[in-house]
Amino acid sequence: MTKIPMTKKQVEIFKFMKSYFEENGEMPLQWEIADHFNIVAISTIQFHIKGMVERGWLKKLAGRKRALALVLD
């Protein structure tokens, strides 16, 4: 699958998610991402996550908490 380039903010969020996963062994919750970037509205994070899924950078995992996976290849 060919990935579509991310926006600047999506790149920042992706890097944070990757770093968080490497340090904690699990993906951050949406509120943790929002808190890191001083974003009040969780819907903003949901918007960026949806964009990264559509662009091929994240994958949703069914039926799990923290149900996102980084697509690194």
C-alpha atoms as a PDB file:
ATOM      1  CA  MET A   1       0.000   0.000   0.000  1.00  0.00           C
ATOM      2  CA  THR A   2       1.306   3.415  -0.956  1.00  0.00           C
ATOM      3  CA  LYS A   3       1.170   5.931   1.854  1.00  0.00           C
ATOM      4  CA  ILE A   4      -0.043   9.458   1.266  1.00  0.00           C
ATOM      5  CA  PRO A   5       2.170  12.105   2.915  1.00  0.00           C
ATOM      6  CA  MET A   6       0.945  13.418   6.270  1.00  0.00           C
ATOM      7  CA  THR A   7       0.325  17.005   7.258  1.00  0.00           C
ATOM      8  CA  LYS A   8       2.847  18.726   9.535  1.00  0.00           C
ATOM      9  CA  LYS A   9       0.608  18.226  12.602  1.00  0.00           C
ATOM     10  CA  GLN A  10       0.009  14.569  11.707  1.00  0.00           C
ATOM     11  CA  VAL A  11       3.781  14.015  11.511  1.00  0.00           C
ATOM     12  CA  GLU A  12       4.169  15.544  14.987  1.00  0.00           C
ATOM     13  CA  ILE A  13       1.390  13.351  16.401  1.00  0.00           C
ATOM     14  CA  PHE A  14       2.777  10.233  14.678  1.00  0.00           C
ATOM     15  CA  LYS A  15       6.251  10.871  16.121  1.00  0.00           C
ATOM     16  CA  PHE A  16       4.757  11.329  19.599  1.00  0.00           C
ATOM     17  CA  MET A  17       2.743   8.105  19.249  1.00  0.00           C
ATOM     18  CA  LYS A  18       5.833   6.187  18.086  1.00  0.00           C
ATOM     19  CA  SER A  19       7.945   7.555  20.930  1.00  0.00           C
ATOM     20  CA  TYR A  20       5.204   6.833  23.487  1.00  0.00           C
ATOM     21  CA  PHE A  21       4.883   3.260  22.196  1.00  0.00           C
ATOM     22  CA  GLU A  22       8.638   2.694  22.350  1.00  0.00           C
ATOM     23  CA  GLU A  23       8.764   3.952  25.958  1.00  0.00           C
ATOM     24  CA  ASN A  24       5.556   2.351  27.283  1.00  0.00           C
ATOM     25  CA  GLY A  25       4.888  -0.687  25.116  1.00  0.00           C
ATOM     26  CA  GLU A  26       1.386   0.524  24.287  1.00  0.00           C
ATOM     27  CA  MET A  27      -0.213   3.292  22.273  1.00  0.00           C
ATOM     28  CA  PRO A  28      -1.254   6.533  23.992  1.00  0.00           C
ATOM     29  CA  LEU A  29      -4.910   7.258  24.675  1.00  0.00           C
ATOM     30  CA  GLN A  30      -6.465  10.104  22.726  1.00  0.00           C
ATOM     31  CA  TRP A  31      -6.579  12.348  25.789  1.00  0.00           C
ATOM     32  CA  GLU A  32      -2.851  11.700  26.374  1.00  0.00           C
ATOM     33  CA  ILE A  33      -2.089  12.867  22.836  1.00  0.00           C
ATOM     34  CA  ALA A  34      -4.299  15.923  23.315  1.00  0.00           C
ATOM     35  CA  ASP A  35      -2.624  16.712  26.646  1.00  0.00           C
ATOM     36  CA  HIS A  36       0.858  16.425  25.131  1.00  0.00           C
ATOM     37  CA  PHE A  37      -0.033  18.967  22.419  1.00  0.00           C
ATOM     38  CA  ASN A  38      -2.138  21.201  24.712  1.00  0.00           C
ATOM     39  CA  ILE A  39      -5.246  20.511  22.630  1.00  0.00           C
ATOM     40  CA  VAL A  40      -8.550  20.832  24.481  1.00  0.00           C
ATOM     41  CA  ALA A  41     -10.880  19.108  22.004  1.00  0.00           C
ATOM     42  CA  ILE A  42     -10.467  15.339  21.662  1.00  0.00           C
ATOM     43  CA  SER A  43     -12.287  15.666  18.327  1.00  0.00           C
ATOM     44  CA  THR A  44      -9.186  17.403  16.956  1.00  0.00           C
ATOM     45  CA  ILE A  45      -7.094  14.337  17.805  1.00  0.00           C
ATOM     46  CA  GLN A  46      -9.766  12.059  16.347  1.00  0.00           C
ATOM     47  CA  PHE A  47      -9.662  14.117  13.132  1.00  0.00           C
ATOM     48  CA  HIS A  48      -5.890  13.723  12.819  1.00  0.00           C
ATOM     49  CA  ILE A  49      -6.003  10.002  13.668  1.00  0.00           C
ATOM     50  CA  LYS A  50      -8.696   9.432  11.051  1.00  0.00           C
ATOM     51  CA  GLY A  51      -6.524  11.246   8.512  1.00  0.00           C
ATOM     52  CA  MET A  52      -3.495   9.105   9.360  1.00  0.00           C
ATOM     53  CA  VAL A  53      -5.567   5.921   9.014  1.00  0.00           C
ATOM     54  CA  GLU A  54      -6.896   7.070   5.632  1.00  0.00           C
ATOM     55  CA  ARG A  55      -3.369   7.964   4.481  1.00  0.00           C
ATOM     56  CA  GLY A  56      -2.030   4.545   5.505  1.00  0.00           C
ATOM     57  CA  TRP A  57       0.128   5.551   8.491  1.00  0.00           C
ATOM     58  CA  LEU A  58      -2.054   4.032  11.230  1.00  0.00           C
ATOM     59  CA  LYS A  59      -4.172   0.903  11.355  1.00  0.00           C
ATOM     60  CA  LYS A  60      -7.242   0.430  13.552  1.00  0.00           C
ATOM     61  CA  LEU A  61      -7.415  -2.793  15.541  1.00  0.00           C
ATOM     62  CA  ALA A  62     -10.920  -4.061  16.255  1.00  0.00           C
ATOM     63  CA  GLY A  63     -12.277  -4.520  19.757  1.00  0.00           C
ATOM     64  CA  ARG A  64      -9.324  -3.269  21.789  1.00  0.00           C
ATOM     65  CA  LYS A  65      -8.540  -0.339  24.012  1.00  0.00           C
ATOM     66  CA  ARG A  66      -5.665   1.670  22.514  1.00  0.00           C
ATOM     67  CA  ALA A  67      -6.761   0.069  19.235  1.00  0.00           C
ATOM     68  CA  LEU A  68      -4.264   1.664  16.866  1.00  0.00           C
ATOM     69  CA  ALA A  69      -1.085   0.325  15.334  1.00  0.00           C
ATOM     70  CA  LEU A  70       1.690   2.234  13.606  1.00  0.00           C
ATOM     71  CA  VAL A  71       2.304   1.240   9.982  1.00  0.00           C
ATOM     72  CA  LEU A  72       6.077   1.503   9.647  1.00  0.00           C
ATOM     73  CA  ASP A  73       6.720  -0.284   6.347  1.00  0.00           C
END
